[in-house]
């Protein structure tokens, strides 16, 4: 999602869709689930849409001013490949005080999947990064062995990799992570 930050105002709203209530997150997610580019909606703590933004096939970038609007709010976006969160996604949640980040998409197995992460225990950016790197190494090693032994297909590995990583990280750091097949 957020591969980098820029300075400035940025606005964030677009397309005449601002003002949608937080109860419409599910409808917004269904509208973007099949988009070939990442699309993000940010909701403030009162449930108002304050960011409505298109990105590229692999990211949406935000200004610091836009991210400040999300304090205690929710950010939802799609992942065109249906993967779970990137490290950047979770660091945005952590560093900007979001109460929740969501990612929806269709994975390599054709499943419609919704991933949700909420902060938990107080942890540092370094702890999140280190835990993510360790879990990535462990999951990669385990999945490679399963693929080589014929116990897992490449599509299954690609579909479950980041989900498995974030399941481990959340358990280690006390974050709340869930994945739902829709």
N, C-alpha and C. Protein backbone atom coordinates (compact mmCIF):
# COMPACT_ATOMS: atom_id res chain seq x y z
N UNK A 1 0.83 -1.17 0.00
CA UNK A 1 0.00 0.00 0.00
C UNK A 1 0.87 1.23 0.00
N UNK A 2 1.29 1.75 1.14
CA UNK A 2 2.06 2.99 1.19
C UNK A 2 3.53 2.68 1.04
N UNK A 3 4.09 2.90 -0.13
CA UNK A 3 5.50 2.63 -0.37
C UNK A 3 6.37 3.80 0.05
N UNK A 4 5.78 4.97 0.22
CA UNK A 4 6.55 6.13 0.61
C UNK A 4 5.63 7.26 0.99
N UNK A 5 6.20 8.29 1.53
CA UNK A 5 5.42 9.43 1.95
C UNK A 5 5.87 10.66 1.18
N UNK A 6 4.96 11.58 1.02
CA UNK A 6 5.31 12.86 0.42
C UNK A 6 4.82 13.96 1.35
N UNK A 7 5.40 15.12 1.21
CA UNK A 7 4.96 16.25 2.01
C UNK A 7 3.87 16.99 1.26
N UNK A 8 3.11 17.78 1.99
CA UNK A 8 2.11 18.60 1.34
C UNK A 8 0.70 18.22 1.74
N UNK A 9 -0.23 18.93 1.18
CA UNK A 9 -1.63 18.77 1.54
C UNK A 9 -2.25 17.53 0.90
N UNK A 10 -2.26 17.41 -0.39
CA UNK A 10 -2.74 16.20 -1.04
C UNK A 10 -4.25 16.02 -1.08
N UNK A 11 -4.99 16.56 -0.15
CA UNK A 11 -6.45 16.49 -0.20
C UNK A 11 -7.04 15.12 0.05
N UNK A 12 -6.72 14.17 -0.78
CA UNK A 12 -7.17 12.81 -0.55
C UNK A 12 -8.55 12.49 -1.09
N UNK A 13 -9.51 13.38 -0.99
CA UNK A 13 -10.86 13.08 -1.44
C UNK A 13 -10.91 13.18 -2.96
N UNK A 14 -11.80 12.42 -3.54
CA UNK A 14 -11.93 12.50 -4.99
C UNK A 14 -13.17 11.80 -5.48
N UNK A 15 -13.56 12.08 -6.70
CA UNK A 15 -14.65 11.38 -7.33
C UNK A 15 -16.02 11.64 -6.73
N UNK A 16 -16.18 12.63 -5.89
CA UNK A 16 -17.47 12.95 -5.33
C UNK A 16 -18.01 11.90 -4.37
N UNK A 17 -17.14 11.08 -3.80
CA UNK A 17 -17.61 10.00 -2.94
C UNK A 17 -17.42 10.30 -1.46
N UNK A 18 -16.88 11.44 -1.12
CA UNK A 18 -16.60 11.75 0.28
C UNK A 18 -17.90 11.87 1.07
N UNK A 19 -17.80 11.61 2.37
CA UNK A 19 -18.94 11.72 3.25
C UNK A 19 -19.65 10.40 3.51
N UNK A 20 -19.21 9.34 2.86
CA UNK A 20 -19.81 8.02 3.08
C UNK A 20 -19.55 7.59 4.52
N UNK A 21 -20.51 6.97 5.12
CA UNK A 21 -20.41 6.55 6.51
C UNK A 21 -19.58 5.28 6.63
N UNK A 22 -19.00 5.05 7.83
CA UNK A 22 -18.19 3.87 8.08
C UNK A 22 -18.99 2.59 7.87
N UNK A 23 -20.30 2.63 8.02
CA UNK A 23 -21.12 1.42 7.83
C UNK A 23 -21.07 0.96 6.38
N UNK A 24 -20.56 1.78 5.47
CA UNK A 24 -20.47 1.42 4.07
C UNK A 24 -19.12 0.81 3.70
N UNK A 25 -18.27 0.50 4.67
CA UNK A 25 -16.96 -0.09 4.36
C UNK A 25 -17.13 -1.36 3.54
N UNK A 26 -18.04 -2.22 3.95
CA UNK A 26 -18.25 -3.47 3.23
C UNK A 26 -18.65 -3.24 1.78
N UNK A 27 -19.53 -2.28 1.55
CA UNK A 27 -19.95 -1.96 0.18
C UNK A 27 -18.79 -1.38 -0.61
N UNK A 28 -18.00 -0.51 0.01
CA UNK A 28 -16.83 0.06 -0.66
C UNK A 28 -15.85 -1.05 -1.04
N UNK A 29 -15.63 -1.99 -0.12
CA UNK A 29 -14.71 -3.09 -0.38
C UNK A 29 -15.20 -3.97 -1.53
N UNK A 30 -16.50 -4.22 -1.58
CA UNK A 30 -17.03 -5.03 -2.69
C UNK A 30 -16.86 -4.31 -4.03
N UNK A 31 -16.90 -2.98 -4.01
CA UNK A 31 -16.72 -2.21 -5.25
C UNK A 31 -15.28 -2.22 -5.74
N UNK A 32 -14.32 -2.45 -4.86
CA UNK A 32 -12.91 -2.38 -5.26
C UNK A 32 -12.22 -3.74 -5.29
N UNK A 33 -12.89 -4.80 -4.89
CA UNK A 33 -12.25 -6.10 -4.75
C UNK A 33 -11.58 -6.59 -6.03
N UNK A 34 -12.15 -6.29 -7.18
CA UNK A 34 -11.60 -6.77 -8.45
C UNK A 34 -10.81 -5.71 -9.22
N UNK A 35 -10.55 -4.58 -8.60
CA UNK A 35 -9.82 -3.52 -9.29
C UNK A 35 -8.38 -3.96 -9.59
N UNK A 36 -7.89 -3.67 -10.78
CA UNK A 36 -6.50 -4.02 -11.11
C UNK A 36 -5.47 -3.08 -10.48
N UNK A 37 -5.95 -1.99 -9.90
CA UNK A 37 -5.06 -1.08 -9.16
C UNK A 37 -5.54 -0.99 -7.72
N UNK A 38 -4.64 -0.61 -6.83
CA UNK A 38 -5.05 -0.43 -5.44
C UNK A 38 -5.89 0.84 -5.31
N UNK A 39 -6.97 0.70 -4.57
CA UNK A 39 -7.88 1.81 -4.28
C UNK A 39 -8.04 1.83 -2.76
N UNK A 40 -7.93 3.01 -2.16
CA UNK A 40 -8.00 3.12 -0.71
C UNK A 40 -9.09 4.09 -0.29
N UNK A 41 -9.77 3.71 0.80
CA UNK A 41 -10.72 4.59 1.47
C UNK A 41 -10.27 4.72 2.91
N UNK A 42 -10.13 5.94 3.38
CA UNK A 42 -9.78 6.20 4.76
C UNK A 42 -10.94 6.84 5.48
N UNK A 43 -11.25 6.31 6.66
CA UNK A 43 -12.36 6.79 7.48
C UNK A 43 -11.80 7.38 8.76
N UNK A 44 -12.27 8.56 9.13
CA UNK A 44 -11.83 9.16 10.39
C UNK A 44 -12.51 8.46 11.57
N UNK A 45 -12.21 8.90 12.77
CA UNK A 45 -12.73 8.24 13.97
C UNK A 45 -14.26 8.31 14.06
N UNK A 46 -14.87 9.24 13.32
CA UNK A 46 -16.33 9.36 13.33
C UNK A 46 -16.99 8.61 12.18
N UNK A 47 -16.20 7.93 11.37
CA UNK A 47 -16.74 7.14 10.27
C UNK A 47 -16.94 7.88 8.97
N UNK A 48 -16.40 9.08 8.87
CA UNK A 48 -16.51 9.86 7.63
C UNK A 48 -15.36 9.52 6.69
N UNK A 49 -15.65 9.41 5.39
CA UNK A 49 -14.59 9.19 4.42
C UNK A 49 -13.76 10.46 4.30
N UNK A 50 -12.47 10.34 4.57
CA UNK A 50 -11.57 11.49 4.47
C UNK A 50 -10.49 11.26 3.42
N UNK A 51 -10.36 10.01 2.96
CA UNK A 51 -9.44 9.67 1.87
C UNK A 51 -10.15 8.73 0.92
N UNK A 52 -10.03 9.04 -0.35
CA UNK A 52 -10.61 8.23 -1.42
C UNK A 52 -9.60 8.35 -2.56
N UNK A 53 -8.76 7.33 -2.72
CA UNK A 53 -7.59 7.51 -3.55
C UNK A 53 -7.26 6.27 -4.36
N UNK A 54 -6.86 6.47 -5.61
CA UNK A 54 -6.38 5.40 -6.46
C UNK A 54 -4.86 5.36 -6.44
N UNK A 55 -4.31 4.16 -6.61
CA UNK A 55 -2.86 4.01 -6.66
C UNK A 55 -2.44 3.29 -7.93
N UNK A 56 -1.48 2.40 -7.78
CA UNK A 56 -0.97 1.60 -8.89
C UNK A 56 -1.36 0.14 -8.64
N UNK A 57 -0.81 -0.76 -9.42
CA UNK A 57 -1.12 -2.18 -9.23
C UNK A 57 -0.56 -2.74 -7.93
N UNK A 58 0.37 -1.99 -7.31
CA UNK A 58 1.00 -2.53 -6.10
C UNK A 58 1.07 -1.57 -4.92
N UNK A 59 0.54 -0.36 -5.06
CA UNK A 59 0.62 0.55 -3.92
C UNK A 59 -0.32 1.74 -4.08
N UNK A 60 -0.60 2.35 -2.94
CA UNK A 60 -1.25 3.66 -2.87
C UNK A 60 -0.37 4.49 -1.96
N UNK A 61 -0.03 5.68 -2.39
CA UNK A 61 0.80 6.54 -1.56
C UNK A 61 -0.05 7.64 -0.95
N UNK A 62 0.34 8.04 0.27
CA UNK A 62 -0.38 9.06 1.01
C UNK A 62 0.59 10.13 1.47
N UNK A 63 0.06 11.35 1.60
CA UNK A 63 0.85 12.41 2.21
C UNK A 63 0.77 12.26 3.72
N UNK A 64 1.66 12.87 4.43
CA UNK A 64 1.59 12.86 5.89
C UNK A 64 0.32 13.55 6.38
N UNK A 65 -0.11 14.59 5.68
CA UNK A 65 -1.35 15.27 6.05
C UNK A 65 -2.55 14.33 5.91
N UNK A 66 -2.58 13.53 4.85
CA UNK A 66 -3.66 12.57 4.69
C UNK A 66 -3.65 11.54 5.81
N UNK A 67 -2.47 11.03 6.12
CA UNK A 67 -2.37 10.01 7.17
C UNK A 67 -2.78 10.57 8.53
N UNK A 68 -2.54 11.84 8.76
CA UNK A 68 -2.94 12.46 10.03
C UNK A 68 -4.47 12.43 10.20
N UNK A 69 -5.20 12.45 9.10
CA UNK A 69 -6.66 12.40 9.15
C UNK A 69 -7.18 11.06 9.64
N UNK A 70 -6.32 10.03 9.61
CA UNK A 70 -6.75 8.67 9.94
C UNK A 70 -6.52 8.29 11.40
N UNK A 71 -6.02 9.21 12.22
CA UNK A 71 -5.78 8.89 13.63
C UNK A 71 -7.07 8.34 14.25
N UNK A 72 -6.97 7.15 14.85
CA UNK A 72 -8.11 6.44 15.45
C UNK A 72 -9.18 6.04 14.44
N UNK A 73 -8.82 6.04 13.16
CA UNK A 73 -9.76 5.68 12.11
C UNK A 73 -9.40 4.35 11.46
N UNK A 74 -10.00 4.13 10.31
CA UNK A 74 -9.84 2.87 9.58
C UNK A 74 -9.40 3.16 8.15
N UNK A 75 -8.46 2.36 7.68
CA UNK A 75 -8.04 2.43 6.28
C UNK A 75 -8.36 1.09 5.65
N UNK A 76 -9.12 1.11 4.57
CA UNK A 76 -9.37 -0.12 3.81
C UNK A 76 -8.89 0.09 2.39
N UNK A 77 -8.39 -0.97 1.81
CA UNK A 77 -7.91 -0.91 0.43
C UNK A 77 -7.91 -2.32 -0.15
N UNK A 78 -7.77 -2.38 -1.45
CA UNK A 78 -7.71 -3.69 -2.09
C UNK A 78 -6.27 -4.04 -2.42
N UNK A 79 -6.02 -5.33 -2.50
CA UNK A 79 -4.76 -5.86 -3.01
C UNK A 79 -5.13 -6.66 -4.26
N UNK A 80 -4.76 -6.17 -5.45
CA UNK A 80 -5.16 -6.85 -6.68
C UNK A 80 -4.77 -8.33 -6.75
N UNK A 81 -3.71 -8.74 -6.05
CA UNK A 81 -3.33 -10.16 -6.05
C UNK A 81 -3.94 -10.92 -4.87
N UNK A 82 -4.70 -10.23 -4.02
CA UNK A 82 -5.39 -10.88 -2.93
C UNK A 82 -4.52 -11.26 -1.75
N UNK A 83 -3.29 -10.77 -1.72
CA UNK A 83 -2.39 -11.09 -0.61
C UNK A 83 -2.79 -10.35 0.66
N UNK A 84 -2.25 -10.83 1.78
CA UNK A 84 -2.44 -10.12 3.03
C UNK A 84 -1.56 -8.87 3.02
N UNK A 85 -1.37 -8.28 4.16
CA UNK A 85 -0.70 -6.99 4.27
C UNK A 85 0.78 -7.03 3.93
N UNK A 86 1.24 -5.90 3.43
CA UNK A 86 2.68 -5.67 3.30
C UNK A 86 3.17 -5.13 4.64
N UNK A 87 4.47 -5.14 4.83
CA UNK A 87 5.05 -4.52 6.03
C UNK A 87 4.68 -3.04 6.07
N UNK A 88 4.70 -2.38 4.92
CA UNK A 88 4.37 -0.96 4.86
C UNK A 88 2.95 -0.70 5.36
N UNK A 89 2.01 -1.59 5.01
CA UNK A 89 0.63 -1.44 5.49
C UNK A 89 0.58 -1.37 7.01
N UNK A 90 1.24 -2.33 7.64
CA UNK A 90 1.16 -2.43 9.11
C UNK A 90 1.93 -1.28 9.76
N UNK A 91 3.01 -0.85 9.15
CA UNK A 91 3.73 0.30 9.71
C UNK A 91 2.91 1.57 9.61
N UNK A 92 2.12 1.73 8.55
CA UNK A 92 1.21 2.88 8.46
C UNK A 92 0.22 2.83 9.62
N UNK A 93 -0.37 1.66 9.86
CA UNK A 93 -1.31 1.52 10.97
C UNK A 93 -0.63 1.90 12.29
N UNK A 94 0.55 1.37 12.50
CA UNK A 94 1.28 1.57 13.75
C UNK A 94 1.71 3.03 13.93
N UNK A 95 2.34 3.59 12.91
CA UNK A 95 2.94 4.93 13.04
C UNK A 95 1.92 6.06 13.02
N UNK A 96 0.71 5.79 12.51
CA UNK A 96 -0.26 6.88 12.38
C UNK A 96 -1.52 6.66 13.22
N UNK A 97 -1.46 5.71 14.14
CA UNK A 97 -2.52 5.54 15.14
C UNK A 97 -3.86 5.09 14.61
N UNK A 98 -3.87 4.26 13.56
CA UNK A 98 -5.13 3.73 13.06
C UNK A 98 -5.69 2.71 14.04
N UNK A 99 -7.02 2.64 14.12
CA UNK A 99 -7.63 1.60 14.96
C UNK A 99 -7.76 0.29 14.17
N UNK A 100 -7.66 0.39 12.82
CA UNK A 100 -7.82 -0.80 12.00
C UNK A 100 -7.34 -0.54 10.58
N UNK A 101 -6.73 -1.57 9.98
CA UNK A 101 -6.40 -1.53 8.56
C UNK A 101 -6.97 -2.80 7.94
N UNK A 102 -7.49 -2.66 6.72
CA UNK A 102 -8.15 -3.78 6.04
C UNK A 102 -7.62 -3.88 4.62
N UNK A 103 -7.55 -5.11 4.11
CA UNK A 103 -7.18 -5.34 2.71
C UNK A 103 -8.07 -6.44 2.16
N UNK A 104 -8.63 -6.19 0.99
CA UNK A 104 -9.53 -7.16 0.35
C UNK A 104 -9.01 -7.47 -1.04
N UNK A 105 -9.26 -8.67 -1.50
CA UNK A 105 -8.84 -9.03 -2.85
C UNK A 105 -9.22 -10.45 -3.18
N UNK A 106 -8.86 -10.86 -4.39
CA UNK A 106 -9.07 -12.23 -4.85
C UNK A 106 -7.69 -12.86 -4.98
N UNK A 107 -7.47 -13.92 -4.22
CA UNK A 107 -6.13 -14.53 -4.19
C UNK A 107 -5.90 -15.46 -5.38
N UNK A 108 -4.71 -16.07 -5.42
CA UNK A 108 -4.31 -16.91 -6.56
C UNK A 108 -5.13 -18.19 -6.65
N UNK A 109 -5.91 -18.50 -5.62
CA UNK A 109 -6.79 -19.67 -5.65
C UNK A 109 -8.21 -19.29 -6.07
N UNK A 110 -8.43 -18.00 -6.37
CA UNK A 110 -9.74 -17.52 -6.77
C UNK A 110 -10.67 -17.21 -5.61
N UNK A 111 -10.14 -17.20 -4.38
CA UNK A 111 -10.95 -16.91 -3.20
C UNK A 111 -11.00 -15.40 -2.95
N UNK A 112 -12.19 -14.91 -2.60
CA UNK A 112 -12.33 -13.52 -2.17
C UNK A 112 -11.96 -13.49 -0.69
N UNK A 113 -10.96 -12.67 -0.35
CA UNK A 113 -10.40 -12.70 1.00
C UNK A 113 -10.36 -11.30 1.58
N UNK A 114 -10.74 -11.19 2.86
CA UNK A 114 -10.63 -9.94 3.61
C UNK A 114 -9.67 -10.16 4.77
N UNK A 115 -8.66 -9.29 4.85
CA UNK A 115 -7.68 -9.33 5.95
C UNK A 115 -7.90 -8.09 6.81
N UNK A 116 -7.87 -8.28 8.13
CA UNK A 116 -8.06 -7.16 9.07
C UNK A 116 -6.98 -7.23 10.13
N UNK A 117 -6.34 -6.09 10.41
CA UNK A 117 -5.34 -6.01 11.48
C UNK A 117 -5.70 -4.83 12.37
N UNK A 118 -5.61 -5.07 13.68
CA UNK A 118 -5.82 -4.01 14.67
C UNK A 118 -4.62 -4.00 15.60
N UNK A 119 -4.23 -2.83 16.07
CA UNK A 119 -3.10 -2.78 17.00
C UNK A 119 -3.45 -3.45 18.32
N UNK A 120 -2.44 -3.84 19.04
CA UNK A 120 -2.65 -4.46 20.34
C UNK A 120 -1.67 -3.87 21.32
N UNK A 121 -0.77 -4.70 21.75
CA UNK A 121 0.25 -4.28 22.72
C UNK A 121 1.10 -3.16 22.12
N UNK A 122 1.67 -2.37 23.00
CA UNK A 122 2.58 -1.32 22.54
C UNK A 122 3.88 -1.95 22.08
N UNK A 123 4.16 -1.80 20.82
CA UNK A 123 5.39 -2.33 20.24
C UNK A 123 6.03 -1.24 19.40
N UNK A 124 7.29 -1.42 19.10
CA UNK A 124 8.01 -0.43 18.30
C UNK A 124 8.03 -0.83 16.83
N UNK A 125 8.35 0.13 15.99
CA UNK A 125 8.52 -0.13 14.56
C UNK A 125 9.59 -1.19 14.36
N UNK A 126 10.67 -1.11 15.13
CA UNK A 126 11.76 -2.08 15.02
C UNK A 126 11.28 -3.49 15.38
N UNK A 127 10.44 -3.61 16.41
CA UNK A 127 9.93 -4.93 16.80
C UNK A 127 9.05 -5.52 15.70
N UNK A 128 8.19 -4.69 15.12
CA UNK A 128 7.32 -5.15 14.04
C UNK A 128 8.18 -5.61 12.86
N UNK A 129 9.14 -4.79 12.47
CA UNK A 129 9.99 -5.10 11.33
C UNK A 129 10.79 -6.39 11.57
N UNK A 130 11.38 -6.50 12.73
CA UNK A 130 12.18 -7.70 13.06
C UNK A 130 11.31 -8.95 13.08
N UNK A 131 10.15 -8.87 13.69
CA UNK A 131 9.25 -10.01 13.75
C UNK A 131 8.78 -10.40 12.35
N UNK A 132 8.46 -9.41 11.52
CA UNK A 132 8.06 -9.66 10.13
C UNK A 132 9.18 -10.36 9.36
N UNK A 133 10.40 -9.88 9.49
CA UNK A 133 11.53 -10.48 8.76
C UNK A 133 11.77 -11.92 9.22
N UNK A 134 11.72 -12.16 10.52
CA UNK A 134 11.92 -13.51 11.05
C UNK A 134 10.81 -14.45 10.58
N UNK A 135 9.57 -13.99 10.67
CA UNK A 135 8.43 -14.82 10.25
C UNK A 135 8.49 -15.10 8.75
N UNK A 136 8.90 -14.10 7.96
CA UNK A 136 9.02 -14.29 6.52
C UNK A 136 10.04 -15.38 6.19
N UNK A 137 11.18 -15.35 6.87
CA UNK A 137 12.20 -16.38 6.64
C UNK A 137 11.66 -17.76 7.01
N UNK A 138 11.02 -17.86 8.15
CA UNK A 138 10.50 -19.14 8.62
C UNK A 138 9.40 -19.68 7.71
N UNK A 139 8.45 -18.83 7.33
CA UNK A 139 7.36 -19.26 6.46
C UNK A 139 7.89 -19.64 5.08
N UNK A 140 8.81 -18.87 4.55
CA UNK A 140 9.40 -19.18 3.24
C UNK A 140 10.08 -20.55 3.27
N UNK A 141 10.86 -20.80 4.29
CA UNK A 141 11.56 -22.09 4.43
C UNK A 141 10.55 -23.24 4.51
N UNK A 142 9.53 -23.08 5.34
CA UNK A 142 8.52 -24.12 5.52
C UNK A 142 7.73 -24.36 4.23
N UNK A 143 7.34 -23.28 3.55
CA UNK A 143 6.58 -23.43 2.31
C UNK A 143 7.42 -24.05 1.20
N UNK A 144 8.69 -23.66 1.11
CA UNK A 144 9.57 -24.26 0.09
C UNK A 144 9.69 -25.76 0.31
N UNK A 145 9.82 -26.18 1.56
CA UNK A 145 9.89 -27.61 1.86
C UNK A 145 8.59 -28.31 1.46
N UNK A 146 7.46 -27.70 1.77
CA UNK A 146 6.17 -28.29 1.43
C UNK A 146 5.97 -28.39 -0.07
N UNK A 147 6.40 -27.37 -0.80
CA UNK A 147 6.30 -27.40 -2.26
C UNK A 147 7.19 -28.52 -2.82
N UNK A 148 8.43 -28.59 -2.34
CA UNK A 148 9.36 -29.61 -2.82
C UNK A 148 8.90 -31.02 -2.51
N UNK A 149 8.16 -31.19 -1.44
CA UNK A 149 7.66 -32.52 -1.05
C UNK A 149 6.28 -32.82 -1.68
N UNK A 150 5.76 -31.88 -2.48
CA UNK A 150 4.48 -32.07 -3.13
C UNK A 150 3.28 -31.92 -2.21
N UNK A 151 3.50 -31.31 -1.04
CA UNK A 151 2.42 -31.13 -0.07
C UNK A 151 1.67 -29.81 -0.24
N UNK A 152 2.21 -28.92 -1.07
CA UNK A 152 1.62 -27.60 -1.27
C UNK A 152 1.93 -27.16 -2.70
N UNK A 153 0.93 -26.57 -3.35
CA UNK A 153 1.16 -26.04 -4.70
C UNK A 153 1.75 -24.63 -4.60
N UNK A 154 2.31 -24.18 -5.69
CA UNK A 154 2.85 -22.82 -5.74
C UNK A 154 1.72 -21.81 -5.53
N UNK A 155 0.55 -22.06 -6.10
CA UNK A 155 -0.60 -21.15 -5.90
C UNK A 155 -1.01 -21.09 -4.44
N UNK A 156 -1.01 -22.24 -3.77
CA UNK A 156 -1.34 -22.25 -2.34
C UNK A 156 -0.31 -21.46 -1.54
N UNK A 157 0.95 -21.66 -1.86
CA UNK A 157 2.01 -20.94 -1.14
C UNK A 157 1.88 -19.43 -1.35
N UNK A 158 1.66 -19.03 -2.60
CA UNK A 158 1.51 -17.60 -2.88
C UNK A 158 0.30 -17.02 -2.18
N UNK A 159 -0.78 -17.77 -2.13
CA UNK A 159 -2.01 -17.31 -1.51
C UNK A 159 -1.88 -17.17 0.00
N UNK A 160 -1.14 -18.08 0.63
CA UNK A 160 -1.09 -18.13 2.09
C UNK A 160 0.16 -17.51 2.72
N UNK A 161 1.15 -17.14 1.92
CA UNK A 161 2.42 -16.69 2.47
C UNK A 161 2.26 -15.55 3.49
N UNK A 162 1.75 -14.39 3.03
CA UNK A 162 1.67 -13.24 3.93
C UNK A 162 0.65 -13.45 5.04
N UNK A 163 -0.39 -14.23 4.78
CA UNK A 163 -1.33 -14.58 5.84
C UNK A 163 -0.59 -15.34 6.95
N UNK A 164 0.21 -16.30 6.57
CA UNK A 164 0.97 -17.08 7.56
C UNK A 164 1.96 -16.21 8.31
N UNK A 165 2.61 -15.31 7.59
CA UNK A 165 3.57 -14.39 8.22
C UNK A 165 2.86 -13.53 9.27
N UNK A 166 1.74 -12.90 8.89
CA UNK A 166 1.05 -12.00 9.83
C UNK A 166 0.38 -12.74 10.97
N UNK A 167 0.00 -13.99 10.76
CA UNK A 167 -0.53 -14.80 11.86
C UNK A 167 0.54 -14.98 12.92
N UNK A 168 1.77 -15.27 12.49
CA UNK A 168 2.90 -15.45 13.42
C UNK A 168 3.25 -14.13 14.11
N UNK A 169 3.35 -13.06 13.33
CA UNK A 169 3.72 -11.76 13.89
C UNK A 169 2.68 -11.30 14.92
N UNK A 170 1.42 -11.43 14.57
CA UNK A 170 0.34 -11.00 15.48
C UNK A 170 0.39 -11.77 16.78
N UNK A 171 0.61 -13.08 16.69
CA UNK A 171 0.69 -13.90 17.91
C UNK A 171 1.88 -13.49 18.77
N UNK A 172 3.00 -13.21 18.12
CA UNK A 172 4.21 -12.84 18.86
C UNK A 172 4.10 -11.47 19.52
N UNK A 173 3.47 -10.52 18.81
CA UNK A 173 3.47 -9.13 19.28
C UNK A 173 2.15 -8.68 19.92
N UNK A 174 1.18 -9.55 19.97
CA UNK A 174 -0.09 -9.18 20.59
C UNK A 174 -0.97 -8.29 19.73
N UNK A 175 -0.86 -8.42 18.40
CA UNK A 175 -1.73 -7.70 17.49
C UNK A 175 -2.96 -8.55 17.22
N UNK A 176 -4.01 -7.93 16.72
CA UNK A 176 -5.24 -8.67 16.39
C UNK A 176 -5.32 -8.79 14.86
N UNK A 177 -5.15 -10.01 14.36
CA UNK A 177 -5.16 -10.25 12.92
C UNK A 177 -6.21 -11.30 12.58
N UNK A 178 -6.96 -11.06 11.52
CA UNK A 178 -7.91 -12.05 11.05
C UNK A 178 -7.95 -12.07 9.53
N UNK A 179 -8.37 -13.22 9.01
CA UNK A 179 -8.52 -13.43 7.58
C UNK A 179 -9.84 -14.15 7.39
N UNK A 180 -10.68 -13.60 6.49
CA UNK A 180 -11.96 -14.23 6.22
C UNK A 180 -12.10 -14.51 4.72
N UNK A 181 -12.52 -15.71 4.40
CA UNK A 181 -12.88 -16.04 3.02
C UNK A 181 -14.35 -15.60 2.88
N UNK A 182 -14.60 -14.77 1.88
CA UNK A 182 -15.96 -14.22 1.69
C UNK A 182 -16.78 -15.10 0.76
